[in-house]
PDB file of all heavy atoms in Angstrom:
ATOM      1  N   PHE A   1     108.893  39.500  76.670  1.00  0.00           N
ATOM      2  CA  PHE A   1     109.725  40.835  76.985  1.00  0.00           C
ATOM      3  C   PHE A   1     110.980  40.830  76.181  1.00  0.00           C
ATOM      4  O   PHE A   1     111.566  39.726  75.827  1.00  0.00           O
ATOM      5  CB  PHE A   1     109.972  40.653  78.497  1.00  0.00           C
ATOM      6  CG  PHE A   1     108.746  40.633  79.369  1.00  0.00           C
ATOM      7  CD1 PHE A   1     108.590  39.579  80.180  1.00  0.00           C
ATOM      8  CD2 PHE A   1     107.764  41.626  79.318  1.00  0.00           C
ATOM      9  CE1 PHE A   1     107.431  39.441  81.029  1.00  0.00           C
ATOM     10  CE2 PHE A   1     106.631  41.558  80.154  1.00  0.00           C
ATOM     11  CZ  PHE A   1     106.509  40.437  80.941  1.00  0.00           C
ATOM     12  N   GLU A   2     111.423  42.070  75.837  1.00  0.00           N
ATOM     13  CA  GLU A   2     112.644  42.146  75.140  1.00  0.00           C
ATOM     14  C   GLU A   2     113.870  41.367  75.619  1.00  0.00           C
ATOM     15  O   GLU A   2     114.707  40.876  74.959  1.00  0.00           O
ATOM     16  CB  GLU A   2     112.901  43.646  74.786  1.00  0.00           C
ATOM     17  CG  GLU A   2     113.978  43.894  73.795  1.00  0.00           C
ATOM     18  CD  GLU A   2     113.516  43.646  72.347  1.00  0.00           C
ATOM     19  OE1 GLU A   2     112.254  43.693  72.073  1.00  0.00           O
ATOM     20  OE2 GLU A   2     114.405  43.243  71.563  1.00  0.00           O
ATOM     21  N   CYS A   3     113.869  41.283  77.033  1.00  0.00           N
ATOM     22  CA  CYS A   3     115.085  40.604  77.659  1.00  0.00           C
ATOM     23  C   CYS A   3     115.110  39.079  77.345  1.00  0.00           C
ATOM     24  O   CYS A   3     116.006  38.384  77.559  1.00  0.00           O
ATOM     25  CB  CYS A   3     115.020  40.817  79.150  1.00  0.00           C
ATOM     26  SG  CYS A   3     113.662  39.921  80.050  1.00  0.00           S
ATOM     27  N   GLN A   4     114.014  38.603  76.654  1.00  0.00           N
ATOM     28  CA  GLN A   4     113.820  37.136  76.376  1.00  0.00           C
ATOM     29  C   GLN A   4     114.427  36.950  74.990  1.00  0.00           C
ATOM     30  O   GLN A   4     114.425  35.710  74.427  1.00  0.00           O
ATOM     31  CB  GLN A   4     112.411  36.671  76.455  1.00  0.00           C
ATOM     32  CG  GLN A   4     111.894  36.825  77.828  1.00  0.00           C
ATOM     33  CD  GLN A   4     110.354  36.535  77.975  1.00  0.00           C
ATOM     34  OE1 GLN A   4     109.561  37.440  78.022  1.00  0.00           O
ATOM     35  NE2 GLN A   4     110.056  35.214  77.834  1.00  0.00           N
ATOM     36  N   LYS A   5     114.837  37.864  74.231  1.00  0.00           N
ATOM     37  CA  LYS A   5     115.382  37.737  72.908  1.00  0.00           C
ATOM     38  C   LYS A   5     116.771  36.942  73.063  1.00  0.00           C
ATOM     39  O   LYS A   5     117.591  37.382  73.903  1.00  0.00           O
ATOM     40  CB  LYS A   5     115.447  38.998  72.119  1.00  0.00           C
ATOM     41  CG  LYS A   5     115.945  38.919  70.772  1.00  0.00           C
ATOM     42  CD  LYS A   5     115.769  40.279  70.023  1.00  0.00           C
ATOM     43  CE  LYS A   5     116.354  39.919  68.559  1.00  0.00           C
ATOM     44  NZ  LYS A   5     117.042  41.071  68.107  1.00  0.00           N
ATOM     45  N   TYR A   6     117.066  36.096  72.101  1.00  0.00           N
ATOM     46  CA  TYR A   6     118.199  35.419  72.145  1.00  0.00           C
ATOM     47  C   TYR A   6     118.740  35.430  70.607  1.00  0.00           C
ATOM     48  O   TYR A   6     117.957  35.432  69.670  1.00  0.00           O
ATOM     49  CB  TYR A   6     118.122  33.988  72.544  1.00  0.00           C
ATOM     50  CG  TYR A   6     119.323  33.198  72.939  1.00  0.00           C
ATOM     51  CD1 TYR A   6     120.014  33.474  74.062  1.00  0.00           C
ATOM     52  CD2 TYR A   6     119.794  32.218  72.086  1.00  0.00           C
ATOM     53  CE1 TYR A   6     121.179  32.776  74.332  1.00  0.00           C
ATOM     54  CE2 TYR A   6     120.952  31.524  72.329  1.00  0.00           C
ATOM     55  CZ  TYR A   6     121.654  31.834  73.493  1.00  0.00           C
ATOM     56  OH  TYR A   6     122.755  31.181  73.729  1.00  0.00           O
ATOM     57  N   SER A   7     120.061  35.376  70.409  1.00  0.00           N
ATOM     58  CA  SER A   7     120.625  35.457  69.091  1.00  0.00           C
ATOM     59  C   SER A   7     120.122  34.445  68.140  1.00  0.00           C
ATOM     60  O   SER A   7     119.755  34.751  66.971  1.00  0.00           O
ATOM     61  CB  SER A   7     122.181  35.490  69.222  1.00  0.00           C
ATOM     62  OG  SER A   7     122.604  34.289  69.771  1.00  0.00           O
ATOM     63  N   ALA A   8     120.038  33.143  68.489  1.00  0.00           N
ATOM     64  CA  ALA A   8     119.603  32.054  67.724  1.00  0.00           C
ATOM     65  C   ALA A   8     119.001  30.988  68.507  1.00  0.00           C
ATOM     66  O   ALA A   8     119.861  30.312  69.218  1.00  0.00           O
ATOM     67  CB  ALA A   8     120.735  31.562  66.754  1.00  0.00           C
ATOM     68  N   VAL A   9     117.822  30.877  68.579  1.00  0.00           N
ATOM     69  CA  VAL A   9     117.165  29.782  69.369  1.00  0.00           C
ATOM     70  C   VAL A   9     117.370  28.415  68.594  1.00  0.00           C
ATOM     71  O   VAL A   9     117.151  28.328  67.456  1.00  0.00           O
ATOM     72  CB  VAL A   9     115.614  30.052  69.524  1.00  0.00           C
ATOM     73  CG1 VAL A   9     114.830  28.839  70.047  1.00  0.00           C
ATOM     74  CG2 VAL A   9     115.364  31.264  70.297  1.00  0.00           C
ATOM     75  N   PRO A  10     117.795  27.409  69.384  1.00  0.00           N
ATOM     76  CA  PRO A  10     117.866  26.055  68.783  1.00  0.00           C
ATOM     77  C   PRO A  10     116.611  25.533  68.177  1.00  0.00           C
ATOM     78  O   PRO A  10     115.570  25.684  68.963  1.00  0.00           O
ATOM     79  CB  PRO A  10     118.403  25.234  69.917  1.00  0.00           C
ATOM     80  CG  PRO A  10     118.620  26.030  71.150  1.00  0.00           C
ATOM     81  CD  PRO A  10     118.058  27.383  70.805  1.00  0.00           C
ATOM     82  N   VAL A  11     116.522  25.064  66.987  1.00  0.00           N
ATOM     83  CA  VAL A  11     115.289  24.612  66.423  1.00  0.00           C
ATOM     84  C   VAL A  11     115.367  23.154  66.140  1.00  0.00           C
ATOM     85  O   VAL A  11     116.280  22.635  65.436  1.00  0.00           O
ATOM     86  CB  VAL A  11     115.016  25.372  65.143  1.00  0.00           C
ATOM     87  CG1 VAL A  11     113.783  24.962  64.425  1.00  0.00           C
ATOM     88  CG2 VAL A  11     114.958  26.950  65.454  1.00  0.00           C
ATOM     89  N   ASP A  12     114.334  22.415  66.532  1.00  0.00           N
ATOM     90  CA  ASP A  12     114.143  20.959  66.287  1.00  0.00           C
ATOM     91  C   ASP A  12     113.132  20.857  65.114  1.00  0.00           C
ATOM     92  O   ASP A  12     112.366  21.887  64.881  1.00  0.00           O
ATOM     93  CB  ASP A  12     113.700  20.130  67.465  1.00  0.00           C
ATOM     94  CG  ASP A  12     114.731  20.173  68.525  1.00  0.00           C
ATOM     95  OD1 ASP A  12     115.919  20.139  68.118  1.00  0.00           O
ATOM     96  OD2 ASP A  12     114.400  20.094  69.630  1.00  0.00           O
ATOM     97  N   ALA A  13     113.110  19.706  64.434  1.00  0.00           N
ATOM     98  CA  ALA A  13     112.153  19.487  63.253  1.00  0.00           C
ATOM     99  C   ALA A  13     110.803  19.758  63.672  1.00  0.00           C
ATOM    100  O   ALA A  13     109.972  20.241  62.760  1.00  0.00           O
ATOM    101  CB  ALA A  13     112.337  18.094  62.817  1.00  0.00           C
ATOM    102  N   HIS A  14     110.365  19.447  64.849  1.00  0.00           N
ATOM    103  CA  HIS A  14     108.847  19.691  65.250  1.00  0.00           C
ATOM    104  C   HIS A  14     108.634  21.118  65.656  1.00  0.00           C
ATOM    105  O   HIS A  14     107.423  21.416  65.897  1.00  0.00           O
ATOM    106  CB  HIS A  14     108.548  18.730  66.333  1.00  0.00           C
ATOM    107  CG  HIS A  14     109.266  19.057  67.669  1.00  0.00           C
ATOM    108  ND1 HIS A  14     110.525  18.467  67.953  1.00  0.00           N
ATOM    109  CD2 HIS A  14     108.908  19.843  68.728  1.00  0.00           C
ATOM    110  CE1 HIS A  14     110.888  18.909  69.094  1.00  0.00           C
ATOM    111  NE2 HIS A  14     110.015  19.699  69.547  1.00  0.00           N
ATOM    112  N   ASP A  15     109.509  21.996  65.808  1.00  0.00           N
ATOM    113  CA  ASP A  15     109.320  23.293  66.220  1.00  0.00           C
ATOM    114  C   ASP A  15     108.762  24.137  65.063  1.00  0.00           C
ATOM    115  O   ASP A  15     109.156  24.078  63.944  1.00  0.00           O
ATOM    116  CB  ASP A  15     110.642  24.042  66.649  1.00  0.00           C
ATOM    117  CG  ASP A  15     111.170  23.468  67.966  1.00  0.00           C
ATOM    118  OD1 ASP A  15     110.402  22.937  68.802  1.00  0.00           O
ATOM    119  OD2 ASP A  15     112.479  23.385  68.111  1.00  0.00           O
ATOM    120  N   ILE A  16     107.816  24.981  65.448  1.00  0.00           N
ATOM    121  CA  ILE A  16     107.052  25.764  64.398  1.00  0.00           C
ATOM    122  C   ILE A  16     107.361  27.286  64.728  1.00  0.00           C
ATOM    123  O   ILE A  16     106.950  27.769  65.788  1.00  0.00           O
ATOM    124  CB  ILE A  16     105.543  25.548  64.378  1.00  0.00           C
ATOM    125  CG1 ILE A  16     105.255  24.118  64.041  1.00  0.00           C
ATOM    126  CG2 ILE A  16     104.776  26.434  63.527  1.00  0.00           C
ATOM    127  CD1 ILE A  16     103.789  23.610  64.246  1.00  0.00           C
ATOM    128  N   PRO A  17     107.933  27.983  63.798  1.00  0.00           N
ATOM    129  CA  PRO A  17     108.162  29.379  64.130  1.00  0.00           C
ATOM    130  C   PRO A  17     106.801  30.144  64.149  1.00  0.00           C
ATOM    131  O   PRO A  17     105.913  29.753  63.430  1.00  0.00           O
ATOM    132  CB  PRO A  17     109.005  29.896  62.916  1.00  0.00           C
ATOM    133  CG  PRO A  17     108.709  28.927  61.888  1.00  0.00           C
ATOM    134  CD  PRO A  17     108.354  27.598  62.541  1.00  0.00           C
ATOM    135  N   LEU A  18     106.684  31.199  64.883  1.00  0.00           N
ATOM    136  CA  LEU A  18     105.571  32.098  64.943  1.00  0.00           C
ATOM    137  C   LEU A  18     105.602  33.023  63.815  1.00  0.00           C
ATOM    138  O   LEU A  18     106.628  33.381  63.201  1.00  0.00           O
ATOM    139  CB  LEU A  18     105.475  32.799  66.219  1.00  0.00           C
ATOM    140  CG  LEU A  18     105.525  31.857  67.590  1.00  0.00           C
ATOM    141  CD1 LEU A  18     105.526  32.556  68.799  1.00  0.00           C
ATOM    142  CD2 LEU A  18     104.329  30.841  67.532  1.00  0.00           C
ATOM    143  N   ASP A  19     104.398  33.570  63.504  1.00  0.00           N
ATOM    144  CA  ASP A  19     104.339  34.736  62.487  1.00  0.00           C
ATOM    145  C   ASP A  19     104.887  35.981  62.967  1.00  0.00           C
ATOM    146  O   ASP A  19     105.552  36.632  62.248  1.00  0.00           O
ATOM    147  CB  ASP A  19     102.824  34.872  62.095  1.00  0.00           C
ATOM    148  CG  ASP A  19     102.277  33.632  61.433  1.00  0.00           C
ATOM    149  OD1 ASP A  19     102.989  32.919  60.685  1.00  0.00           O
ATOM    150  OD2 ASP A  19     101.095  33.334  61.639  1.00  0.00           O
ATOM    151  N   ILE A  20     104.521  36.335  64.221  1.00  0.00           N
ATOM    152  CA  ILE A  20     104.991  37.568  64.799  1.00  0.00           C
ATOM    153  C   ILE A  20     105.257  37.336  66.231  1.00  0.00           C
ATOM    154  O   ILE A  20     104.683  36.622  66.943  1.00  0.00           O
ATOM    155  CB  ILE A  20     103.767  38.661  64.685  1.00  0.00           C
ATOM    156  CG1 ILE A  20     103.431  39.003  63.327  1.00  0.00           C
ATOM    157  CG2 ILE A  20     104.150  39.920  65.410  1.00  0.00           C
ATOM    158  CD1 ILE A  20     102.201  39.863  63.058  1.00  0.00           C
ATOM    159  N   ILE A  21     106.205  38.141  66.758  1.00  0.00           N
ATOM    160  CA  ILE A  21     106.477  38.256  68.148  1.00  0.00           C
ATOM    161  C   ILE A  21     106.534  39.683  68.578  1.00  0.00           C
ATOM    162  O   ILE A  21     107.154  40.497  67.897  1.00  0.00           O
ATOM    163  CB  ILE A  21     107.848  37.491  68.545  1.00  0.00           C
ATOM    164  CG1 ILE A  21     107.691  35.995  68.231  1.00  0.00           C
ATOM    165  CG2 ILE A  21     108.072  37.733  70.043  1.00  0.00           C
ATOM    166  CD1 ILE A  21     108.905  35.203  68.515  1.00  0.00           C
ATOM    167  N   ILE A  22     105.701  40.022  69.591  1.00  0.00           N
ATOM    168  CA  ILE A  22     105.628  41.340  70.064  1.00  0.00           C
ATOM    169  C   ILE A  22     106.148  41.505  71.463  1.00  0.00           C
ATOM    170  O   ILE A  22     105.786  40.693  72.310  1.00  0.00           O
ATOM    171  CB  ILE A  22     104.151  41.910  70.055  1.00  0.00           C
ATOM    172  CG1 ILE A  22     103.612  41.818  68.595  1.00  0.00           C
ATOM    173  CG2 ILE A  22     104.031  43.224  70.598  1.00  0.00           C
ATOM    174  CD1 ILE A  22     102.086  42.150  68.521  1.00  0.00           C
ATOM    175  N   THR A  23     107.059  42.503  71.572  1.00  0.00           N
ATOM    176  CA  THR A  23     107.598  42.869  72.954  1.00  0.00           C
ATOM    177  C   THR A  23     107.222  44.250  73.353  1.00  0.00           C
ATOM    178  O   THR A  23     106.545  44.930  72.454  1.00  0.00           O
ATOM    179  CB  THR A  23     109.173  42.797  72.986  1.00  0.00           C
ATOM    180  OG1 THR A  23     109.770  43.830  72.257  1.00  0.00           O
ATOM    181  CG2 THR A  23     109.662  41.457  72.421  1.00  0.00           C
ATOM    182  N   GLU A  24     107.664  44.691  74.376  1.00  0.00           N
ATOM    183  CA  GLU A  24     107.271  46.090  74.866  1.00  0.00           C
ATOM    184  C   GLU A  24     107.976  47.150  73.944  1.00  0.00           C
ATOM    185  O   GLU A  24     107.442  48.246  73.918  1.00  0.00           O
ATOM    186  CB  GLU A  24     107.653  46.238  76.307  1.00  0.00           C
ATOM    187  CG  GLU A  24     109.143  46.418  76.599  1.00  0.00           C
ATOM    188  CD  GLU A  24     109.859  44.998  76.796  1.00  0.00           C
ATOM    189  OE1 GLU A  24     109.300  43.942  76.500  1.00  0.00           O
ATOM    190  OE2 GLU A  24     111.101  45.047  77.231  1.00  0.00           O
ATOM    191  N   SER A  25     108.946  46.737  73.137  1.00  0.00           N
ATOM    192  CA  SER A  25     109.719  47.796  72.341  1.00  0.00           C
ATOM    193  C   SER A  25     109.712  47.412  70.900  1.00  0.00           C
ATOM    194  O   SER A  25     110.204  48.356  70.197  1.00  0.00           O
ATOM    195  CB  SER A  25     111.043  48.028  73.017  1.00  0.00           C
ATOM    196  OG  SER A  25     111.790  46.905  73.011  1.00  0.00           O
TER     197      SER A  25
END
């Protein structure tokens, strides 16, 4: 949901970014 967007998510070495994120808007 769009309300789950955050300015900068903390990222660790094992975290893998997604290709796409889809919200309602």
